[in-house]
């Protein structure tokens, strides 16, 4: 009750600064609308809308996103139809299918992955416009 246990009365871990927050959308789940998160996101279901993730996004083999994605880093095994903007590293696994443009600082594509679109590399960091829409700032050469 008064010990150093960091769980609430129901046994659930309390989240605070430094807590690793993970949002998971399981297979069979369909979400329509925009998603914004400061924690990691794992998608095994379907999302139709914009996903803005300050951290890492992982799209599983069964995962599908129809809309733009802006994130810190990404591991993709599923399907994306839209623009993918990645601040750090983007990894396309062999089962990944991307129909859209990629803007990433670093890009790894395994043999077997499918990518239809354009790719721009060498970005430094995500910046936000006054309207709240994310943009990428190019690295000075």
N, C-alpha and C. Protein backbone atom coordinates (compact mmCIF):
# COMPACT_ATOMS: atom_id res chain seq x y z
N UNK A 1 0.81 -1.20 0.00
CA UNK A 1 0.00 0.00 0.00
C UNK A 1 0.85 1.25 0.00
N UNK A 2 1.82 1.36 0.94
CA UNK A 2 2.67 2.54 0.99
C UNK A 2 4.09 2.24 0.54
N UNK A 3 4.34 1.05 0.00
CA UNK A 3 5.68 0.66 -0.44
C UNK A 3 6.09 1.39 -1.70
N UNK A 4 7.21 0.95 -2.26
CA UNK A 4 7.75 1.60 -3.45
C UNK A 4 7.20 1.00 -4.74
N UNK A 5 6.16 0.20 -4.65
CA UNK A 5 5.54 -0.39 -5.83
C UNK A 5 4.93 0.73 -6.66
N UNK A 6 5.28 0.79 -7.95
CA UNK A 6 4.81 1.87 -8.81
C UNK A 6 3.55 1.50 -9.57
N UNK A 7 2.76 0.60 -9.07
CA UNK A 7 1.49 0.22 -9.68
C UNK A 7 0.36 0.86 -8.92
N UNK A 8 -0.74 1.13 -9.63
CA UNK A 8 -1.90 1.68 -8.93
C UNK A 8 -2.62 0.55 -8.19
N UNK A 9 -3.75 0.83 -7.59
CA UNK A 9 -4.45 -0.17 -6.78
C UNK A 9 -4.95 -1.35 -7.60
N UNK A 10 -5.12 -1.16 -8.91
CA UNK A 10 -5.58 -2.25 -9.77
C UNK A 10 -4.43 -3.05 -10.36
N UNK A 11 -3.18 -2.70 -10.01
CA UNK A 11 -2.02 -3.43 -10.51
C UNK A 11 -1.47 -2.91 -11.83
N UNK A 12 -2.06 -1.87 -12.39
CA UNK A 12 -1.59 -1.32 -13.65
C UNK A 12 -0.41 -0.38 -13.40
N UNK A 13 0.57 -0.45 -14.26
CA UNK A 13 1.73 0.41 -14.11
C UNK A 13 1.34 1.85 -14.40
N UNK A 14 1.84 2.76 -13.58
CA UNK A 14 1.58 4.18 -13.81
C UNK A 14 2.54 4.68 -14.87
N UNK A 15 2.05 5.55 -15.73
CA UNK A 15 2.93 6.13 -16.73
C UNK A 15 3.28 7.54 -16.32
N UNK A 16 4.49 7.92 -16.61
CA UNK A 16 4.96 9.26 -16.29
C UNK A 16 6.06 9.61 -17.24
N UNK A 17 6.82 10.64 -16.91
CA UNK A 17 7.93 11.02 -17.76
C UNK A 17 8.90 9.86 -17.87
N UNK A 18 9.33 9.60 -19.09
CA UNK A 18 10.27 8.51 -19.32
C UNK A 18 9.60 7.16 -19.52
N UNK A 19 8.29 7.08 -19.31
CA UNK A 19 7.60 5.81 -19.51
C UNK A 19 7.54 5.52 -21.01
N UNK A 20 7.75 4.28 -21.39
CA UNK A 20 7.71 3.89 -22.79
C UNK A 20 6.26 3.61 -23.16
N UNK A 21 5.61 4.56 -23.79
CA UNK A 21 4.21 4.44 -24.17
C UNK A 21 4.10 3.77 -25.53
N UNK A 22 3.30 2.71 -25.62
CA UNK A 22 3.09 1.99 -26.87
C UNK A 22 1.60 1.92 -27.15
N UNK A 23 1.21 2.38 -28.33
CA UNK A 23 -0.17 2.30 -28.78
C UNK A 23 -0.24 1.17 -29.79
N UNK A 24 -1.10 0.18 -29.55
CA UNK A 24 -1.17 -0.98 -30.43
C UNK A 24 -2.57 -1.13 -31.01
N UNK A 25 -2.62 -1.27 -32.34
CA UNK A 25 -3.88 -1.49 -33.05
C UNK A 25 -3.82 -2.89 -33.63
N UNK A 26 -4.57 -3.80 -33.02
CA UNK A 26 -4.51 -5.22 -33.36
C UNK A 26 -5.18 -5.55 -34.68
N UNK A 27 -4.84 -6.71 -35.22
CA UNK A 27 -5.45 -7.20 -36.45
C UNK A 27 -6.96 -7.29 -36.24
N UNK A 28 -7.72 -6.86 -37.24
CA UNK A 28 -9.18 -6.84 -37.13
C UNK A 28 -9.71 -5.48 -36.69
N UNK A 29 -8.82 -4.59 -36.26
CA UNK A 29 -9.22 -3.24 -35.85
C UNK A 29 -9.14 -2.31 -37.05
N UNK A 30 -10.19 -1.50 -37.26
CA UNK A 30 -10.21 -0.50 -38.32
C UNK A 30 -10.45 0.87 -37.69
N UNK A 31 -9.56 1.80 -38.00
CA UNK A 31 -9.69 3.16 -37.47
C UNK A 31 -9.75 4.12 -38.64
N UNK A 32 -10.75 5.00 -38.60
CA UNK A 32 -10.88 6.03 -39.61
C UNK A 32 -10.76 7.38 -38.92
N UNK A 33 -9.72 8.13 -39.29
CA UNK A 33 -9.46 9.43 -38.66
C UNK A 33 -7.98 9.62 -38.43
N UNK A 34 -7.61 10.80 -37.97
CA UNK A 34 -6.21 11.12 -37.76
C UNK A 34 -5.76 10.68 -36.37
N UNK A 35 -4.50 10.26 -36.29
CA UNK A 35 -3.92 9.80 -35.03
C UNK A 35 -2.66 10.62 -34.75
N UNK A 36 -2.53 11.07 -33.51
CA UNK A 36 -1.33 11.79 -33.10
C UNK A 36 -0.88 11.21 -31.77
N UNK A 37 0.43 10.87 -31.68
CA UNK A 37 0.95 10.25 -30.46
C UNK A 37 2.39 10.67 -30.22
N UNK A 38 2.74 10.81 -28.94
CA UNK A 38 4.13 11.07 -28.59
C UNK A 38 4.86 9.75 -28.31
N UNK A 39 4.10 8.66 -28.16
CA UNK A 39 4.69 7.34 -27.91
C UNK A 39 4.78 6.52 -29.17
N UNK A 40 5.29 5.31 -29.03
CA UNK A 40 5.40 4.38 -30.16
C UNK A 40 4.02 3.89 -30.59
N UNK A 41 3.92 3.51 -31.87
CA UNK A 41 2.67 2.97 -32.41
C UNK A 41 2.99 1.67 -33.13
N UNK A 42 2.17 0.64 -32.87
CA UNK A 42 2.26 -0.64 -33.58
C UNK A 42 0.91 -0.86 -34.27
N UNK A 43 0.93 -1.09 -35.60
CA UNK A 43 -0.30 -1.27 -36.37
C UNK A 43 -0.31 -2.66 -36.99
N UNK A 44 -1.27 -3.49 -36.57
CA UNK A 44 -1.52 -4.78 -37.19
C UNK A 44 -2.91 -4.79 -37.82
N UNK A 45 -3.67 -3.73 -37.59
CA UNK A 45 -5.00 -3.56 -38.17
C UNK A 45 -4.93 -2.59 -39.34
N UNK A 46 -6.03 -1.84 -39.56
CA UNK A 46 -6.10 -0.89 -40.67
C UNK A 46 -6.40 0.50 -40.16
N UNK A 47 -5.71 1.49 -40.73
CA UNK A 47 -5.93 2.89 -40.40
C UNK A 47 -6.16 3.65 -41.70
N UNK A 48 -7.22 4.45 -41.71
CA UNK A 48 -7.48 5.32 -42.84
C UNK A 48 -7.44 6.74 -42.30
N UNK A 49 -6.35 7.46 -42.57
CA UNK A 49 -6.17 8.80 -42.05
C UNK A 49 -4.69 9.09 -41.83
N UNK A 50 -4.40 10.28 -41.37
CA UNK A 50 -3.02 10.71 -41.13
C UNK A 50 -2.55 10.21 -39.78
N UNK A 51 -1.31 9.71 -39.73
CA UNK A 51 -0.70 9.25 -38.48
C UNK A 51 0.53 10.12 -38.22
N UNK A 52 0.54 10.80 -37.08
CA UNK A 52 1.66 11.66 -36.69
C UNK A 52 2.21 11.11 -35.38
N UNK A 53 3.40 10.53 -35.44
CA UNK A 53 3.99 9.84 -34.29
C UNK A 53 5.38 10.42 -34.04
N UNK A 54 5.58 11.03 -32.88
CA UNK A 54 6.87 11.63 -32.56
C UNK A 54 7.95 10.58 -32.37
N UNK A 55 7.56 9.35 -32.14
CA UNK A 55 8.48 8.26 -31.84
C UNK A 55 8.57 7.30 -33.03
N UNK A 56 8.47 6.01 -32.72
CA UNK A 56 8.60 4.96 -33.73
C UNK A 56 7.25 4.38 -34.09
N UNK A 57 7.08 4.08 -35.39
CA UNK A 57 5.88 3.38 -35.83
C UNK A 57 6.31 2.06 -36.45
N UNK A 58 5.60 1.00 -36.12
CA UNK A 58 5.84 -0.33 -36.68
C UNK A 58 4.54 -0.79 -37.32
N UNK A 59 4.61 -1.15 -38.58
CA UNK A 59 3.45 -1.68 -39.31
C UNK A 59 3.72 -3.17 -39.52
N UNK A 60 2.91 -4.03 -38.88
CA UNK A 60 3.07 -5.48 -39.00
C UNK A 60 2.65 -5.98 -40.37
N UNK A 61 2.87 -7.28 -40.63
CA UNK A 61 2.54 -7.88 -41.93
C UNK A 61 1.08 -7.67 -42.31
N UNK A 62 0.17 -7.74 -41.35
CA UNK A 62 -1.26 -7.57 -41.63
C UNK A 62 -1.67 -6.10 -41.57
N UNK A 63 -0.77 -5.20 -41.18
CA UNK A 63 -1.09 -3.79 -41.01
C UNK A 63 -1.22 -3.04 -42.32
N UNK A 64 -2.18 -2.11 -42.37
CA UNK A 64 -2.42 -1.28 -43.55
C UNK A 64 -2.70 0.14 -43.10
N UNK A 65 -2.07 1.10 -43.78
CA UNK A 65 -2.35 2.51 -43.53
C UNK A 65 -2.61 3.17 -44.87
N UNK A 66 -3.78 3.81 -44.97
CA UNK A 66 -4.13 4.59 -46.15
C UNK A 66 -4.19 6.04 -45.71
N UNK A 67 -3.08 6.74 -45.93
CA UNK A 67 -2.93 8.12 -45.49
C UNK A 67 -1.47 8.41 -45.24
N UNK A 68 -1.17 9.65 -44.96
CA UNK A 68 0.21 10.07 -44.73
C UNK A 68 0.68 9.68 -43.33
N UNK A 69 1.98 9.40 -43.22
CA UNK A 69 2.59 9.06 -41.94
C UNK A 69 3.78 9.98 -41.73
N UNK A 70 3.85 10.59 -40.55
CA UNK A 70 5.01 11.39 -40.13
C UNK A 70 5.48 10.81 -38.81
N UNK A 71 6.77 10.43 -38.74
CA UNK A 71 7.25 9.76 -37.52
C UNK A 71 8.74 9.97 -37.32
N UNK A 72 9.20 9.56 -36.13
CA UNK A 72 10.62 9.62 -35.82
C UNK A 72 11.40 8.53 -36.55
N UNK A 73 10.92 7.28 -36.47
CA UNK A 73 11.52 6.15 -37.18
C UNK A 73 10.42 5.16 -37.51
N UNK A 74 10.70 4.24 -38.44
CA UNK A 74 9.65 3.31 -38.87
C UNK A 74 10.23 1.97 -39.30
N UNK A 75 9.53 0.89 -38.91
CA UNK A 75 9.77 -0.47 -39.38
C UNK A 75 8.48 -0.92 -40.05
N UNK A 76 8.55 -1.20 -41.35
CA UNK A 76 7.34 -1.50 -42.11
C UNK A 76 7.41 -2.92 -42.67
N UNK A 77 6.37 -3.71 -42.34
CA UNK A 77 6.21 -5.05 -42.92
C UNK A 77 4.92 -5.12 -43.75
N UNK A 78 3.99 -4.22 -43.50
CA UNK A 78 2.68 -4.22 -44.15
C UNK A 78 2.59 -3.25 -45.32
N UNK A 79 1.38 -2.70 -45.52
CA UNK A 79 1.09 -1.84 -46.67
C UNK A 79 0.82 -0.40 -46.26
N UNK A 80 1.33 0.53 -47.07
CA UNK A 80 1.07 1.95 -46.87
C UNK A 80 0.73 2.55 -48.22
N UNK A 81 -0.36 3.33 -48.25
CA UNK A 81 -0.72 4.09 -49.44
C UNK A 81 -0.79 5.55 -49.01
N UNK A 82 0.30 6.28 -49.28
CA UNK A 82 0.39 7.67 -48.86
C UNK A 82 1.85 8.07 -48.72
N UNK A 83 2.08 9.31 -48.31
CA UNK A 83 3.43 9.82 -48.14
C UNK A 83 3.96 9.42 -46.77
N UNK A 84 5.22 9.02 -46.74
CA UNK A 84 5.87 8.57 -45.51
C UNK A 84 7.05 9.51 -45.23
N UNK A 85 6.96 10.27 -44.12
CA UNK A 85 8.02 11.21 -43.73
C UNK A 85 8.64 10.72 -42.43
N UNK A 86 9.95 10.37 -42.50
CA UNK A 86 10.63 9.76 -41.36
C UNK A 86 11.84 10.61 -40.98
N UNK A 87 11.87 11.05 -39.73
CA UNK A 87 12.93 11.91 -39.25
C UNK A 87 14.28 11.20 -39.16
N UNK A 88 14.28 9.92 -38.81
CA UNK A 88 15.54 9.19 -38.63
C UNK A 88 15.65 8.07 -39.66
N UNK A 89 15.38 6.82 -39.26
CA UNK A 89 15.59 5.69 -40.15
C UNK A 89 14.28 4.98 -40.50
N UNK A 90 14.15 4.65 -41.77
CA UNK A 90 13.02 3.89 -42.29
C UNK A 90 13.54 2.54 -42.74
N UNK A 91 12.92 1.47 -42.24
CA UNK A 91 13.29 0.11 -42.64
C UNK A 91 12.07 -0.54 -43.28
N UNK A 92 12.21 -0.92 -44.56
CA UNK A 92 11.17 -1.67 -45.27
C UNK A 92 11.57 -3.13 -45.27
N UNK A 93 10.79 -3.95 -44.58
CA UNK A 93 11.04 -5.39 -44.53
C UNK A 93 10.59 -6.01 -45.86
N UNK A 94 10.93 -7.29 -46.09
CA UNK A 94 10.67 -7.93 -47.38
C UNK A 94 9.19 -8.02 -47.75
N UNK A 95 8.29 -7.94 -46.78
CA UNK A 95 6.85 -8.04 -47.06
C UNK A 95 6.19 -6.66 -47.23
N UNK A 96 6.96 -5.59 -47.10
CA UNK A 96 6.41 -4.23 -47.18
C UNK A 96 6.00 -3.86 -48.60
N UNK A 97 4.88 -3.12 -48.71
CA UNK A 97 4.42 -2.58 -49.97
C UNK A 97 4.07 -1.11 -49.73
N UNK A 98 4.80 -0.21 -50.41
CA UNK A 98 4.59 1.23 -50.25
C UNK A 98 4.17 1.81 -51.59
N UNK A 99 2.99 2.44 -51.62
CA UNK A 99 2.52 3.17 -52.79
C UNK A 99 2.43 4.64 -52.39
N UNK A 100 3.51 5.37 -52.62
CA UNK A 100 3.57 6.77 -52.25
C UNK A 100 5.01 7.22 -52.11
N UNK A 101 5.17 8.47 -51.78
CA UNK A 101 6.51 9.05 -51.69
C UNK A 101 7.12 8.84 -50.31
N UNK A 102 8.44 8.77 -50.28
CA UNK A 102 9.19 8.60 -49.05
C UNK A 102 10.14 9.78 -48.88
N UNK A 103 10.14 10.36 -47.69
CA UNK A 103 11.10 11.39 -47.30
C UNK A 103 11.71 10.89 -46.00
N UNK A 104 13.01 10.58 -46.03
CA UNK A 104 13.65 9.98 -44.85
C UNK A 104 15.11 10.39 -44.76
N UNK A 105 15.62 10.44 -43.53
CA UNK A 105 17.03 10.73 -43.33
C UNK A 105 17.86 9.51 -43.74
N UNK A 106 17.43 8.32 -43.33
CA UNK A 106 18.11 7.06 -43.66
C UNK A 106 17.06 6.08 -44.13
N UNK A 107 17.45 5.22 -45.08
CA UNK A 107 16.47 4.33 -45.71
C UNK A 107 17.11 2.96 -45.96
N UNK A 108 16.49 1.90 -45.42
CA UNK A 108 16.95 0.53 -45.63
C UNK A 108 15.78 -0.24 -46.24
N UNK A 109 16.05 -0.95 -47.34
CA UNK A 109 15.00 -1.70 -48.03
C UNK A 109 15.48 -3.12 -48.27
N UNK A 110 14.80 -4.10 -47.66
CA UNK A 110 15.16 -5.50 -47.84
C UNK A 110 14.72 -5.99 -49.21
N UNK A 111 15.41 -7.00 -49.72
CA UNK A 111 15.04 -7.61 -50.99
C UNK A 111 13.64 -8.19 -50.87
N UNK A 112 12.78 -7.89 -51.84
CA UNK A 112 11.41 -8.36 -51.83
C UNK A 112 10.41 -7.27 -51.49
N UNK A 113 10.87 -6.21 -50.83
CA UNK A 113 9.97 -5.09 -50.52
C UNK A 113 9.60 -4.37 -51.81
N UNK A 114 8.39 -3.81 -51.85
CA UNK A 114 7.90 -3.12 -53.04
C UNK A 114 7.70 -1.64 -52.68
N UNK A 115 8.25 -0.77 -53.54
CA UNK A 115 8.14 0.68 -53.33
C UNK A 115 7.84 1.35 -54.66
N UNK A 116 6.67 1.99 -54.77
CA UNK A 116 6.27 2.72 -55.95
C UNK A 116 6.08 4.18 -55.57
N UNK A 117 7.01 5.03 -55.97
CA UNK A 117 6.95 6.44 -55.65
C UNK A 117 8.32 7.06 -55.77
N UNK A 118 8.47 8.24 -55.19
CA UNK A 118 9.77 8.91 -55.19
C UNK A 118 10.36 8.89 -53.79
N UNK A 119 11.68 8.99 -53.73
CA UNK A 119 12.36 8.98 -52.44
C UNK A 119 13.28 10.18 -52.34
N UNK A 120 13.19 10.90 -51.23
CA UNK A 120 14.08 12.02 -50.94
C UNK A 120 14.77 11.70 -49.63
N UNK A 121 16.11 11.82 -49.63
CA UNK A 121 16.86 11.50 -48.42
C UNK A 121 17.71 12.70 -48.01
N UNK A 122 18.18 12.66 -46.73
CA UNK A 122 19.06 13.69 -46.24
C UNK A 122 18.37 14.74 -45.40
N UNK A 123 17.21 14.44 -44.85
CA UNK A 123 16.52 15.39 -43.99
C UNK A 123 17.12 15.36 -42.61
N UNK A 124 17.02 16.46 -41.90
CA UNK A 124 17.59 16.54 -40.56
C UNK A 124 16.57 16.30 -39.48
N UNK A 125 15.50 17.05 -39.47
CA UNK A 125 14.54 16.94 -38.39
C UNK A 125 13.16 17.41 -38.83
N UNK A 126 12.16 16.97 -38.12
CA UNK A 126 10.80 17.40 -38.40
C UNK A 126 10.59 18.77 -37.78
N UNK A 127 9.97 19.64 -38.50
CA UNK A 127 9.60 20.96 -37.99
C UNK A 127 8.10 21.11 -38.20
N UNK A 128 7.46 21.90 -37.37
CA UNK A 128 6.03 22.09 -37.49
C UNK A 128 5.72 23.52 -37.89
N UNK A 129 4.82 23.65 -38.87
CA UNK A 129 4.38 24.96 -39.30
C UNK A 129 3.38 25.50 -38.28
N UNK A 130 3.00 26.76 -38.44
CA UNK A 130 2.05 27.38 -37.53
C UNK A 130 0.71 26.66 -37.52
N UNK A 131 0.30 26.08 -38.66
CA UNK A 131 -0.98 25.39 -38.74
C UNK A 131 -0.93 24.02 -38.08
N UNK A 132 0.25 23.60 -37.60
CA UNK A 132 0.37 22.30 -36.95
C UNK A 132 0.67 21.16 -37.90
N UNK A 133 0.82 21.48 -39.19
CA UNK A 133 1.14 20.43 -40.15
C UNK A 133 2.64 20.20 -40.15
N UNK A 134 3.08 18.94 -40.09
CA UNK A 134 4.50 18.67 -40.05
C UNK A 134 5.15 18.89 -41.42
N UNK A 135 6.35 19.41 -41.40
CA UNK A 135 7.14 19.54 -42.61
C UNK A 135 8.55 19.07 -42.29
N UNK A 136 9.35 18.88 -43.29
CA UNK A 136 10.73 18.46 -43.09
C UNK A 136 11.65 19.59 -43.47
N UNK A 137 12.70 19.78 -42.71
CA UNK A 137 13.68 20.80 -43.00
C UNK A 137 14.89 20.11 -43.64
N UNK A 138 15.31 20.60 -44.80
CA UNK A 138 16.44 20.01 -45.50
C UNK A 138 17.74 20.32 -44.80
N UNK A 139 18.66 19.40 -44.89
CA UNK A 139 19.99 19.55 -44.31
C UNK A 139 20.79 20.51 -45.18
N UNK A 140 21.52 21.42 -44.58
CA UNK A 140 22.37 22.35 -45.32
C UNK A 140 23.54 21.60 -45.93
N UNK A 141 23.86 21.92 -47.17
CA UNK A 141 24.95 21.22 -47.85
C UNK A 141 26.17 22.09 -47.90
